[in-house]
Amino acid sequence: MPATPPDYEVLIVGAGISGIGMAAHMEMLCPGRRYAIVERRENLGGTWDLFRYPGIRSDSDMHTLGFNFEPWKHEKSIADGPAILEYLHRIVDERGIRDHIRFGHKVVSADWRGDEARWHVGIELADGSTTRITARFLYLGSGYYDYDEPYDPGFDFGEFAGRVVHPQFWPEDLDYAGKRVVVIGSGATAVTLVPAMAERAGHVTMLQRTPTWMFSRPAKDRLANFLRKILPEELAYRITRWKNIKLQDIGFRRARTRPEKVKAFLHRRIRKVFGDAPYDPADFTPPYNPWEQRLCLVPDNDLFEAMKRGDAAIRTGRIARFAKEGVVLEDGELLPADVIVTATGLRLAIAGKIAFSQNGTPVDFAQRYYYKGCMFSNLPNLAVVFGYLNASWTLRADLNSDYVCRLLNEMERRGADVAVPVLSAEDEAALEDDDIFDFSSGYIQRSKHIMPRNAVAYPWRLNQEYVSDRKRMAQDPVDDGIIAFGQAGDALAGGNKQRQLEAAE
C-alpha cells in the first residue's frame, strides 16, 4: 500500500448537472473531503454550455430538472439555456464549488489498482500535454452522448449550394434572417429549433421521416408561481416538484396501459390549437405508442403557432437526394433551402468514452450489470449517472449523489478503502436479463450493444421508475449484503469475482 494518500478522495468527471450535483451533495453530506471536478471544456454547464443553437431550452420542467436542494426561482418552468446556466453558476458560487473545478482537463483513461485501492486517471490538458491524477473514488457525471461526434445518417449533400449545420456545433456566424431553412429531424432539438428560427427566417420546414408525439404545455407553471407568492421558497418548490413528478409518472403509466386514450388526448390538444387553420393530423401521428419514445414538449404551443402564421411547416417523407436548390423527396417534391440543419440525433457514449481498466485489464461495460442504477458489478469505487428516459435527468442525479455520499460515509466509518457490489459467477448465471431500454428511439436502438446489462431483479438494474427508486434508495441500508467493504491489496480490491465473494462472506 502506498505511503502517500491519493490526490483526491473523490474525483468527479464533468462539470454539468450531474457533476455539480455530486459536488453540492459532498459539501452538504461529506464536508471536508478532498474532491475535485475535472471538466474537458473551459466552461461549466455540460450540455447547456455545448449547445448554442437558437431557442435552446429544457424539454423537462425545471422543478424536476432542477436539484432537490436548490429551488428554481425563475418565472418560466420551461427554461432557456442561459437561464439554466445562470442557475448552475449560482449554485457553484454560493456553495464554494468553483475552486474545486479543473477546466481544460479531459479524462482519457482510468485504471483501478487493487494493490493501492485507487484509480489512476489519465488526463489530457488543454495545451495537449498529459498528466495523471489518483483518486480513491471516481464519480462519472460525463453525460450520455458523444460531445465530439453527433449521429451521422450518411447524407450526401452533393450539389446543394447552401450551408449545412448541425445543432451540436452551431456556428456563431450563421445568418439565416430572411432565408429558407429546412430542419431535418423530428426530435426535441428540431421541435425547439423550428419555432425559434421561424422568428427571423423567411420560412422554416421541419422535414421528418417519422412523426413524433407532441405535448403542449405553458412555459410558466401558474401553480408554482402562485405558491411562491404565499409560501416560503423551498416549501413552494418541494410541492411543485412533487406535483410534477406525480403527474409525469401518472402520464407515463397511462401511456403504457391505455395508449389509445393518450393518443386521442394528444390529438385533441393539437386540434384545439389549430382550430380552423389547416394542418395534416398524419404529421402528428407516429407509428408507435406515446412514450415508446420521449414525448416532445411544445411550450406555449410555439411550434403550432408558427405553423398557423405560415412561418413554419412540417413535411413527412423520405429524402431522395440533395439538389442545388434544396431537398428532393422520394415523391418528387422539392423543399427549397438556403440552410439545412441536420437535427438527426445524438451518438451515445458510455462512461464518457474513457478507456477503463481494472488492474490493467480493459473493462467492457456491456458485460457488467448495473447496481441500483448507480454502480457496476464487481467494479470497485466507481459510480455513474445515467438519467431517466421517461423523466428528468436530475432526478437520478440527485438519488445517486445522495447514495454515494452515504456510501463514502459508511466506508469512513468502517475504515475501508474499497466498496464494491459483489456478483459471483454463480449468481450472475442465475440472473434473468431485462431490456429496460425498450424505447424505439434511434439513439437508444443504435447503442444497445455498448450498454451495461440489466437484470429483471433489483438491484442489478437501471430502473425507470423514479418514485419507487426514491423510496428504495432512501430506505435500503447501504450495507445491504451485496456491497462489500475491504482494504487495499485484499481480495475485494483485486477484482476477482470468486475471491470477492469469499472475502464478502
Protein backbone atom coordinates (compact mmCIF):
# COMPACT_ATOMS: atom_id res chain seq x y z
CA MET A 1 0.00 0.00 0.00
CA PRO A 2 1.45 3.40 -0.99
CA ALA A 3 2.71 5.58 1.81
CA THR A 4 1.17 8.66 0.24
CA PRO A 5 -2.60 9.22 0.03
CA PRO A 6 -4.28 9.68 -3.37
CA ASP A 7 -4.54 13.18 -4.79
CA TYR A 8 -8.27 13.25 -4.04
CA GLU A 9 -10.69 11.13 -2.12
CA VAL A 10 -13.30 11.68 -4.82
CA LEU A 11 -12.73 12.73 -8.42
CA ILE A 12 -15.83 13.90 -10.26
CA VAL A 13 -15.74 13.79 -14.06
CA GLY A 14 -17.79 16.53 -15.72
CA ALA A 15 -18.99 19.94 -14.54
CA GLY A 16 -22.51 19.65 -15.91
CA ILE A 17 -25.69 19.00 -13.96
CA SER A 18 -24.53 15.58 -12.69
CA GLY A 19 -21.07 16.68 -11.58
CA ILE A 20 -22.24 19.89 -9.93
CA GLY A 21 -24.99 17.96 -8.16
CA MET A 22 -22.47 15.48 -6.74
CA ALA A 23 -20.18 18.28 -5.58
CA ALA A 24 -23.07 20.04 -3.85
CA HIS A 25 -24.07 16.83 -2.09
CA MET A 26 -20.50 16.34 -0.94
CA GLU A 27 -20.43 19.84 0.50
CA MET A 28 -23.62 19.03 2.42
CA LEU A 29 -23.11 15.38 3.39
CA CYS A 30 -19.35 14.78 3.27
CA PRO A 31 -17.86 18.11 4.37
CA GLY A 32 -14.10 18.34 4.49
CA ARG A 33 -13.47 15.56 1.95
CA ARG A 34 -10.85 16.28 -0.70
CA TYR A 35 -12.54 16.28 -4.05
CA ALA A 36 -12.15 17.84 -7.48
CA ILE A 37 -14.20 18.16 -10.65
CA VAL A 38 -12.34 17.71 -13.93
CA GLU A 39 -14.02 19.28 -16.95
CA ARG A 40 -12.77 18.96 -20.51
CA ARG A 41 -14.31 22.26 -21.62
CA GLU A 42 -13.38 25.77 -20.50
CA ASN A 43 -16.81 26.44 -19.00
CA LEU A 44 -19.18 24.59 -16.72
CA GLY A 45 -22.66 23.52 -17.72
CA GLY A 46 -22.09 20.45 -19.88
CA THR A 47 -24.97 20.20 -22.35
CA TRP A 48 -26.08 23.74 -21.57
CA ASP A 49 -22.70 25.15 -22.50
CA LEU A 50 -22.13 22.94 -25.54
CA PHE A 51 -25.40 23.57 -27.35
CA ARG A 52 -25.79 27.13 -28.62
CA TYR A 53 -28.49 26.75 -31.26
CA PRO A 54 -31.47 29.17 -31.39
CA GLY A 55 -34.11 28.55 -28.75
CA ILE A 56 -32.05 26.03 -26.75
CA ARG A 57 -34.18 25.12 -23.73
CA SER A 58 -35.09 22.31 -21.39
CA ASP A 59 -37.52 19.65 -22.54
CA SER A 60 -38.41 18.96 -18.90
CA ASP A 61 -39.83 21.34 -16.33
CA MET A 62 -37.19 22.98 -14.17
CA HIS A 63 -38.93 21.96 -10.96
CA THR A 64 -37.75 18.41 -11.72
CA LEU A 65 -34.71 19.20 -13.88
CA GLY A 66 -33.59 21.48 -11.05
CA PHE A 67 -31.90 19.95 -8.00
CA ASN A 68 -33.85 18.80 -4.95
CA PHE A 69 -31.71 21.07 -2.75
CA GLU A 70 -31.90 24.30 -4.79
CA PRO A 71 -35.27 25.89 -5.68
CA TRP A 72 -35.88 27.05 -9.22
CA LYS A 73 -36.71 30.75 -8.87
CA HIS A 74 -37.42 31.84 -12.43
CA GLU A 75 -40.94 32.59 -13.58
CA LYS A 76 -40.71 30.16 -16.51
CA SER A 77 -40.74 26.47 -15.66
CA ILE A 78 -39.62 25.56 -19.19
CA ALA A 79 -36.34 27.45 -19.20
CA ASP A 80 -33.91 28.52 -21.88
CA GLY A 81 -30.23 27.59 -21.89
CA PRO A 82 -28.92 30.89 -20.46
CA ALA A 83 -31.32 30.69 -17.50
CA ILE A 84 -30.20 27.13 -16.74
CA LEU A 85 -26.54 28.17 -16.91
CA GLU A 86 -27.25 31.05 -14.53
CA TYR A 87 -28.84 28.57 -12.10
CA LEU A 88 -25.76 26.30 -12.24
CA HIS A 89 -23.30 29.19 -11.87
CA ARG A 90 -25.19 30.45 -8.82
CA ILE A 91 -25.02 27.04 -7.15
CA VAL A 92 -21.31 26.69 -7.90
CA ASP A 93 -20.52 30.13 -6.46
CA GLU A 94 -22.81 30.08 -3.42
CA ARG A 95 -21.72 26.60 -2.33
CA GLY A 96 -17.97 27.04 -2.77
CA ILE A 97 -17.68 24.55 -5.62
CA ARG A 98 -15.94 26.67 -8.24
CA ASP A 99 -12.50 26.40 -6.62
CA HIS A 100 -12.74 22.62 -6.95
CA ILE A 101 -13.23 22.66 -10.75
CA ARG A 102 -10.26 22.00 -13.03
CA PHE A 103 -11.18 23.22 -16.52
CA GLY A 104 -9.43 22.01 -19.65
CA HIS A 105 -8.93 18.55 -18.12
CA LYS A 106 -10.10 15.74 -20.40
CA VAL A 107 -10.13 12.27 -18.85
CA VAL A 108 -8.85 9.74 -21.36
CA SER A 109 -8.14 6.68 -19.20
CA ALA A 110 -8.81 5.30 -15.74
CA ASP A 111 -7.17 2.19 -14.26
CA TRP A 112 -8.23 0.71 -10.92
CA ARG A 113 -5.18 -0.51 -9.00
CA GLY A 114 -6.31 -3.03 -6.44
CA ASP A 115 -3.00 -3.12 -4.58
CA GLU A 116 -3.32 0.63 -3.97
CA ALA A 117 -7.14 0.83 -3.77
CA ARG A 118 -7.22 3.87 -6.02
CA TRP A 119 -7.91 4.97 -9.55
CA HIS A 120 -5.06 6.17 -11.74
CA VAL A 121 -6.69 8.67 -14.07
CA GLY A 122 -5.01 9.82 -17.28
CA ILE A 123 -5.71 13.47 -18.13
CA GLU A 124 -5.18 15.33 -21.38
CA LEU A 125 -4.74 19.07 -20.75
CA ALA A 126 -5.90 21.89 -22.98
CA ASP A 127 -2.35 22.50 -24.26
CA GLY A 128 -2.04 18.88 -25.41
CA SER A 129 0.16 17.72 -22.56
CA THR A 130 -0.84 14.89 -20.25
CA THR A 131 -0.86 14.29 -16.54
CA ARG A 132 -2.14 11.77 -14.03
CA ILE A 133 -4.44 12.15 -11.04
CA THR A 134 -5.10 9.49 -8.40
CA ALA A 135 -8.40 9.20 -6.57
CA ARG A 136 -9.93 6.79 -4.08
CA PHE A 137 -13.39 7.05 -5.64
CA LEU A 138 -14.43 8.02 -9.18
CA TYR A 139 -17.81 9.58 -9.97
CA LEU A 140 -18.83 9.91 -13.63
CA GLY A 141 -21.02 12.90 -14.41
CA SER A 142 -19.98 12.88 -18.05
CA GLY A 143 -23.45 12.53 -19.54
CA TYR A 144 -24.69 10.03 -22.07
CA TYR A 145 -23.73 11.26 -25.53
CA ASP A 146 -20.63 11.86 -27.60
CA TYR A 147 -19.53 15.51 -27.43
CA ASP A 148 -17.24 15.09 -30.43
CA GLU A 149 -19.41 13.24 -32.94
CA PRO A 150 -23.18 13.52 -33.36
CA TYR A 151 -25.08 10.81 -35.18
CA ASP A 152 -24.34 10.93 -38.90
CA PRO A 153 -27.02 9.31 -41.09
CA GLY A 154 -24.63 9.41 -44.05
CA PHE A 155 -26.22 12.17 -46.11
CA ASP A 156 -24.52 13.11 -49.37
CA PHE A 157 -25.28 16.80 -49.86
CA GLY A 158 -23.94 16.61 -53.40
CA GLU A 159 -24.91 19.70 -55.38
CA PHE A 160 -26.51 21.63 -52.52
CA ALA A 161 -25.35 25.23 -52.80
CA GLY A 162 -26.37 26.43 -49.35
CA ARG A 163 -24.99 25.90 -45.87
CA VAL A 164 -25.29 22.75 -43.78
CA VAL A 165 -25.04 22.94 -39.97
CA HIS A 166 -25.53 20.53 -37.08
CA PRO A 167 -27.11 21.81 -33.83
CA GLN A 168 -24.29 20.30 -31.77
CA PHE A 169 -21.78 22.60 -33.48
CA TRP A 170 -23.81 25.73 -34.15
CA PRO A 171 -21.70 28.36 -35.97
CA GLU A 172 -21.66 31.83 -34.46
CA ASP A 173 -21.56 33.46 -37.89
CA LEU A 174 -24.70 31.80 -39.29
CA ASP A 175 -27.08 34.46 -40.61
CA TYR A 176 -30.40 32.91 -41.56
CA ALA A 177 -32.51 36.09 -41.49
CA GLY A 178 -34.99 36.02 -44.37
CA LYS A 179 -33.66 32.69 -45.65
CA ARG A 180 -35.35 29.39 -46.37
CA VAL A 181 -34.42 26.76 -43.80
CA VAL A 182 -35.02 23.01 -43.76
CA VAL A 183 -34.54 21.29 -40.39
CA ILE A 184 -34.12 17.53 -40.83
CA GLY A 185 -35.42 15.67 -37.79
CA SER A 186 -38.45 15.43 -35.54
CA GLY A 187 -36.98 15.12 -32.05
CA ALA A 188 -36.71 17.63 -29.24
CA THR A 189 -33.94 19.62 -30.97
CA ALA A 190 -35.93 20.04 -34.19
CA VAL A 191 -39.12 20.93 -32.30
CA THR A 192 -37.13 23.60 -30.45
CA LEU A 193 -35.28 24.95 -33.48
CA VAL A 194 -38.19 25.38 -35.89
CA PRO A 195 -40.24 27.99 -33.98
CA ALA A 196 -37.10 29.78 -32.77
CA MET A 197 -35.63 30.10 -36.28
CA ALA A 198 -39.04 30.99 -37.74
CA GLU A 199 -38.91 34.31 -35.87
CA ARG A 200 -36.15 35.55 -38.22
CA ALA A 201 -36.03 33.18 -41.18
CA GLY A 202 -38.05 33.64 -44.34
CA HIS A 203 -39.59 30.19 -43.80
CA VAL A 204 -38.67 27.02 -41.89
CA THR A 205 -39.68 23.49 -42.84
CA MET A 206 -39.31 20.59 -40.44
CA LEU A 207 -38.63 17.52 -42.56
CA GLN A 208 -39.38 14.32 -40.69
CA ARG A 209 -39.09 10.73 -41.79
CA THR A 210 -41.32 9.70 -38.88
CA PRO A 211 -43.63 11.92 -36.80
CA THR A 212 -43.18 12.37 -33.06
CA TRP A 213 -45.83 12.55 -30.37
CA MET A 214 -46.02 16.14 -29.15
CA PHE A 215 -47.42 17.57 -25.96
CA SER A 216 -48.05 21.26 -25.37
CA ARG A 217 -47.99 22.99 -22.01
CA PRO A 218 -47.46 26.55 -20.75
CA ALA A 219 -43.85 27.62 -20.24
CA LYS A 220 -44.96 29.16 -16.93
CA ASP A 221 -46.28 26.95 -14.15
CA ARG A 222 -49.12 29.01 -12.70
CA LEU A 223 -49.41 26.93 -9.54
CA ALA A 224 -45.67 27.19 -8.91
CA ASN A 225 -45.69 30.96 -9.31
CA PHE A 226 -48.77 31.27 -7.08
CA LEU A 227 -47.25 29.11 -4.34
CA ARG A 228 -44.07 31.18 -4.39
CA LYS A 229 -46.12 34.24 -3.51
CA ILE A 230 -47.78 32.71 -0.44
CA LEU A 231 -45.27 30.14 0.83
CA PRO A 232 -41.57 30.05 1.66
CA GLU A 233 -39.49 29.45 -1.46
CA GLU A 234 -38.27 25.98 -0.53
CA LEU A 235 -41.71 24.72 0.50
CA ALA A 236 -43.31 26.03 -2.69
CA TYR A 237 -40.57 24.34 -4.72
CA ARG A 238 -40.99 20.99 -2.96
CA ILE A 239 -44.75 20.99 -3.53
CA THR A 240 -44.42 21.89 -7.20
CA ARG A 241 -41.63 19.38 -7.72
CA TRP A 242 -43.62 16.53 -6.22
CA LYS A 243 -46.75 17.56 -8.16
CA ASN A 244 -44.83 17.42 -11.43
CA ILE A 245 -43.16 14.13 -10.56
CA LYS A 246 -46.52 12.51 -9.83
CA LEU A 247 -48.18 13.93 -12.95
CA GLN A 248 -45.33 12.70 -15.12
CA ASP A 249 -45.43 9.27 -13.51
CA ILE A 250 -49.19 9.01 -13.98
CA GLY A 251 -48.91 10.15 -17.60
CA PHE A 252 -46.19 7.62 -18.40
CA ARG A 253 -48.07 4.73 -16.82
CA ARG A 254 -51.29 5.69 -18.57
CA ALA A 255 -49.49 5.83 -21.93
CA ARG A 256 -48.19 2.30 -21.37
CA THR A 257 -51.51 0.83 -20.17
CA ARG A 258 -54.04 2.83 -22.25
CA PRO A 259 -52.15 4.14 -25.28
CA GLU A 260 -55.21 4.72 -27.45
CA LYS A 261 -56.73 7.10 -24.91
CA VAL A 262 -53.46 9.01 -24.62
CA LYS A 263 -53.22 9.26 -28.41
CA ALA A 264 -56.73 10.70 -28.56
CA PHE A 265 -55.90 13.16 -25.76
CA LEU A 266 -52.76 14.41 -27.53
CA HIS A 267 -54.63 14.81 -30.83
CA ARG A 268 -57.42 16.77 -29.14
CA ARG A 269 -54.93 19.25 -27.73
CA ILE A 270 -53.30 19.80 -31.13
CA ARG A 271 -56.66 20.11 -32.88
CA LYS A 272 -57.75 22.71 -30.34
CA VAL A 273 -54.66 24.86 -31.03
CA PHE A 274 -55.07 24.79 -34.81
CA GLY A 275 -58.81 25.41 -34.72
CA ASP A 276 -59.92 26.21 -38.26
CA ALA A 277 -56.34 26.51 -39.54
CA PRO A 278 -55.37 23.73 -41.96
CA TYR A 279 -52.99 21.00 -40.83
CA ASP A 280 -52.45 17.32 -41.53
CA PRO A 281 -53.05 15.10 -38.48
CA ALA A 282 -50.82 12.47 -40.10
CA ASP A 283 -47.83 14.76 -39.43
CA PHE A 284 -48.52 14.30 -35.70
CA THR A 285 -49.33 10.57 -35.71
CA PRO A 286 -46.26 8.35 -35.20
CA PRO A 287 -46.36 4.62 -35.95
CA TYR A 288 -45.62 3.87 -32.29
CA ASN A 289 -47.42 4.48 -29.00
CA PRO A 290 -46.83 7.53 -26.79
CA TRP A 291 -43.80 7.14 -24.52
CA GLU A 292 -42.26 4.42 -26.64
CA GLN A 293 -40.08 7.41 -27.39
CA ARG A 294 -39.90 10.60 -25.34
CA LEU A 295 -42.76 12.99 -25.90
CA CYS A 296 -41.65 16.25 -27.48
CA LEU A 297 -42.59 19.26 -25.42
CA VAL A 298 -44.09 22.27 -27.22
CA PRO A 299 -44.13 25.14 -24.68
CA ASP A 300 -46.82 27.76 -25.22
CA ASN A 301 -47.73 25.99 -28.49
CA ASP A 302 -44.83 27.82 -30.15
CA LEU A 303 -44.36 25.30 -32.99
CA PHE A 304 -48.09 25.15 -33.75
CA GLU A 305 -48.42 28.93 -33.67
CA ALA A 306 -45.51 29.30 -36.12
CA MET A 307 -47.28 26.89 -38.45
CA LYS A 308 -50.58 28.77 -38.15
CA ARG A 309 -48.82 32.02 -39.09
CA GLY A 310 -47.31 30.35 -42.14
CA ASP A 311 -43.75 30.88 -40.89
CA ALA A 312 -43.15 27.14 -40.49
CA ALA A 313 -44.39 23.86 -41.90
CA ILE A 314 -43.95 20.13 -41.38
CA ARG A 315 -43.34 17.67 -44.19
CA THR A 316 -43.30 13.91 -43.65
CA GLY A 317 -41.28 11.98 -46.20
CA ARG A 318 -38.01 10.39 -47.18
CA ILE A 319 -35.09 12.14 -48.79
CA ALA A 320 -34.25 11.08 -52.34
CA ARG A 321 -31.31 13.43 -52.84
CA PHE A 322 -29.98 16.92 -52.23
CA ALA A 323 -30.22 19.30 -55.17
CA LYS A 324 -28.59 22.67 -55.64
CA GLU A 325 -31.80 24.42 -54.55
CA GLY A 326 -32.68 22.21 -51.57
CA VAL A 327 -34.00 18.77 -50.61
CA VAL A 328 -35.77 16.46 -53.05
CA LEU A 329 -38.15 13.93 -51.51
CA GLU A 330 -38.92 10.48 -52.84
CA ASP A 331 -42.31 11.68 -54.09
CA GLY A 332 -40.52 14.31 -56.20
CA GLU A 333 -41.33 17.35 -54.07
CA LEU A 334 -38.54 19.93 -53.78
CA LEU A 335 -38.15 21.67 -50.43
CA PRO A 336 -36.21 24.85 -51.28
CA ALA A 337 -33.45 25.68 -48.81
CA ASP A 338 -30.67 28.16 -48.27
CA VAL A 339 -29.75 26.49 -44.97
CA ILE A 340 -30.11 22.84 -43.96
CA VAL A 341 -29.96 21.93 -40.27
CA THR A 342 -29.29 18.24 -39.58
CA ALA A 343 -31.08 17.68 -36.26
CA THR A 344 -30.59 13.97 -36.78
CA GLY A 345 -29.78 12.96 -33.24
CA LEU A 346 -27.03 12.05 -30.85
CA ARG A 347 -24.49 9.28 -30.63
CA LEU A 348 -24.43 7.62 -27.21
CA ALA A 349 -21.17 7.25 -25.32
CA ILE A 350 -20.73 5.02 -22.30
CA ALA A 351 -18.58 6.26 -19.41
CA GLY A 352 -17.52 9.39 -21.27
CA LYS A 353 -15.55 7.33 -23.83
CA ILE A 354 -12.88 6.88 -21.14
CA ALA A 355 -10.62 3.82 -21.54
CA PHE A 356 -11.39 2.00 -18.29
CA SER A 357 -9.31 -0.86 -16.96
CA GLN A 358 -9.12 -2.89 -13.79
CA ASN A 359 -5.63 -3.84 -12.72
CA GLY A 360 -4.56 -3.27 -16.31
CA THR A 361 -7.34 -5.36 -17.89
CA PRO A 362 -9.78 -3.38 -20.08
CA VAL A 363 -13.30 -3.06 -18.69
CA ASP A 364 -16.20 -3.92 -21.03
CA PHE A 365 -19.24 -2.22 -19.53
CA ALA A 366 -21.52 -4.27 -21.78
CA GLN A 367 -20.52 -7.28 -19.63
CA ARG A 368 -21.21 -5.57 -16.30
CA TYR A 369 -24.55 -5.29 -14.55
CA TYR A 370 -25.84 -2.03 -13.20
CA TYR A 371 -26.15 -1.96 -9.44
CA LYS A 372 -29.01 0.27 -8.21
CA GLY A 373 -28.64 2.31 -11.39
CA CYS A 374 -25.51 3.78 -9.84
CA MET A 375 -22.56 1.35 -9.72
CA PHE A 376 -21.41 -1.73 -11.66
CA SER A 377 -20.96 -5.36 -10.69
CA ASN A 378 -17.51 -6.20 -9.36
CA LEU A 379 -16.08 -2.80 -10.19
CA PRO A 380 -14.82 -1.04 -7.04
CA ASN A 381 -15.22 2.61 -6.08
CA LEU A 382 -16.96 3.76 -9.26
CA ALA A 383 -20.35 5.42 -9.68
CA VAL A 384 -22.10 6.90 -12.68
CA VAL A 385 -25.20 8.90 -13.62
CA PHE A 386 -27.43 7.79 -16.48
CA GLY A 387 -30.69 9.67 -16.12
CA TYR A 388 -34.24 8.51 -16.68
CA LEU A 389 -35.57 8.10 -20.20
CA ASN A 390 -39.09 8.88 -19.01
CA ALA A 391 -38.39 11.70 -16.55
CA SER A 392 -35.90 14.47 -15.79
CA TRP A 393 -32.21 13.58 -15.76
CA THR A 394 -31.61 15.33 -12.45
CA LEU A 395 -33.98 13.06 -10.55
CA ARG A 396 -31.50 10.22 -11.00
CA ALA A 397 -28.50 12.51 -10.41
CA ASP A 398 -29.90 13.55 -7.02
CA LEU A 399 -30.55 9.94 -5.97
CA ASN A 400 -27.10 8.74 -6.98
CA SER A 401 -25.27 11.67 -5.38
CA ASP A 402 -27.05 11.12 -2.09
CA TYR A 403 -26.38 7.37 -2.20
CA VAL A 404 -22.68 7.75 -2.99
CA CYS A 405 -22.23 10.24 -0.16
CA ARG A 406 -23.81 7.77 2.26
CA LEU A 407 -21.57 5.04 0.85
CA LEU A 408 -18.49 7.22 1.36
CA ASN A 409 -19.51 7.89 4.95
CA GLU A 410 -20.02 4.17 5.56
CA MET A 411 -16.55 3.49 4.15
CA GLU A 412 -15.08 6.09 6.50
CA ARG A 413 -16.95 4.62 9.48
CA ARG A 414 -15.54 1.19 8.71
CA GLY A 415 -12.07 2.45 7.83
CA ALA A 416 -12.50 0.80 4.41
CA ASP A 417 -10.64 1.73 1.24
CA VAL A 418 -12.85 -0.30 -1.10
CA ALA A 419 -16.58 -0.65 -1.72
CA VAL A 420 -17.75 -2.99 -4.47
CA PRO A 421 -21.10 -4.56 -5.46
CA VAL A 422 -20.21 -8.25 -5.46
CA LEU A 423 -21.80 -10.51 -8.06
CA SER A 424 -20.44 -14.05 -8.16
CA ALA A 425 -20.31 -16.05 -11.37
CA GLU A 426 -22.94 -18.43 -9.98
CA ASP A 427 -25.34 -15.61 -9.04
CA GLU A 428 -24.74 -13.88 -12.36
CA ALA A 429 -25.67 -17.03 -14.26
CA ALA A 430 -28.98 -17.12 -12.38
CA LEU A 431 -29.94 -13.57 -13.36
CA GLU A 432 -32.60 -13.00 -16.00
CA ASP A 433 -31.73 -10.14 -18.32
CA ASP A 434 -34.22 -7.38 -18.98
CA ASP A 435 -34.43 -4.90 -21.84
CA ILE A 436 -35.12 -1.72 -19.90
CA PHE A 437 -34.23 0.31 -22.99
CA ASP A 438 -37.41 -0.73 -24.81
CA PHE A 439 -37.74 2.75 -26.28
CA SER A 440 -37.79 2.79 -30.08
CA SER A 441 -35.70 5.98 -30.25
CA GLY A 442 -32.92 5.65 -32.81
CA TYR A 443 -30.14 6.77 -30.48
CA ILE A 444 -31.16 4.07 -27.99
CA GLN A 445 -31.51 1.28 -30.53
CA ARG A 446 -28.19 2.13 -32.20
CA SER A 447 -26.33 1.88 -28.90
CA LYS A 448 -27.74 -1.17 -27.16
CA HIS A 449 -24.61 -3.18 -27.89
CA ILE A 450 -22.49 -0.90 -25.69
CA MET A 451 -24.94 -0.52 -22.83
CA PRO A 452 -24.33 -2.19 -19.45
CA ARG A 453 -26.56 -5.16 -18.64
CA ASN A 454 -29.79 -5.09 -16.65
CA ALA A 455 -31.46 -7.88 -14.74
CA VAL A 456 -35.17 -8.25 -14.09
CA ALA A 457 -34.47 -8.38 -10.37
CA TYR A 458 -33.45 -5.31 -8.38
CA PRO A 459 -30.77 -4.19 -7.51
CA TRP A 460 -28.96 -5.37 -10.65
CA ARG A 461 -30.69 -2.90 -12.95
CA LEU A 462 -31.13 0.70 -14.01
CA ASN A 463 -34.76 1.20 -13.05
CA GLN A 464 -37.05 3.53 -14.99
CA GLU A 465 -39.37 4.25 -12.07
CA TYR A 466 -38.27 7.27 -10.07
CA VAL A 467 -40.97 7.06 -7.40
CA SER A 468 -40.02 3.51 -6.41
CA ASP A 469 -36.29 4.23 -6.82
CA ARG A 470 -36.55 7.18 -4.47
CA LYS A 471 -38.12 5.04 -1.78
CA ARG A 472 -35.66 2.17 -2.21
CA MET A 473 -32.55 4.33 -2.28
CA ALA A 474 -33.66 6.17 0.86
CA GLN A 475 -34.84 3.15 2.87
CA ASP A 476 -32.47 0.34 1.90
CA PRO A 477 -29.32 0.25 4.02
CA VAL A 478 -26.01 0.95 2.34
CA ASP A 479 -24.70 -2.26 3.90
CA ASP A 480 -27.23 -4.45 2.07
CA GLY A 481 -25.28 -7.70 1.95
CA ILE A 482 -24.25 -7.06 -1.65
CA ILE A 483 -21.89 -4.13 -1.20
CA ALA A 484 -18.68 -5.46 0.34
CA PHE A 485 -16.01 -3.38 2.03
CA GLY A 486 -12.29 -4.02 2.08
CA GLN A 487 -8.76 -2.71 2.15
CA ALA A 488 -6.04 -2.03 -0.39
CA GLY A 489 -4.46 -5.24 -1.65
CA ASP A 490 -7.11 -7.66 -0.36
CA ALA A 491 -9.38 -9.92 -2.41
CA LEU A 492 -12.09 -7.31 -2.85
CA ALA A 493 -9.68 -4.73 -4.18
CA GLY A 494 -8.19 -7.26 -6.58
CA GLY A 495 -11.32 -7.68 -8.66
CA ASN A 496 -11.56 -11.48 -8.97
CA LYS A 497 -15.23 -12.44 -8.63
CA GLN A 498 -14.76 -15.65 -6.65
CA ARG A 499 -12.22 -14.05 -4.36
CA GLN A 500 -14.61 -11.14 -3.87
CA LEU A 501 -17.38 -13.50 -2.87
CA GLU A 502 -15.17 -15.33 -0.42
CA ALA A 503 -13.96 -12.04 1.07
CA ALA A 504 -17.52 -10.78 1.43
CA GLU A 505 -18.51 -13.94 3.25
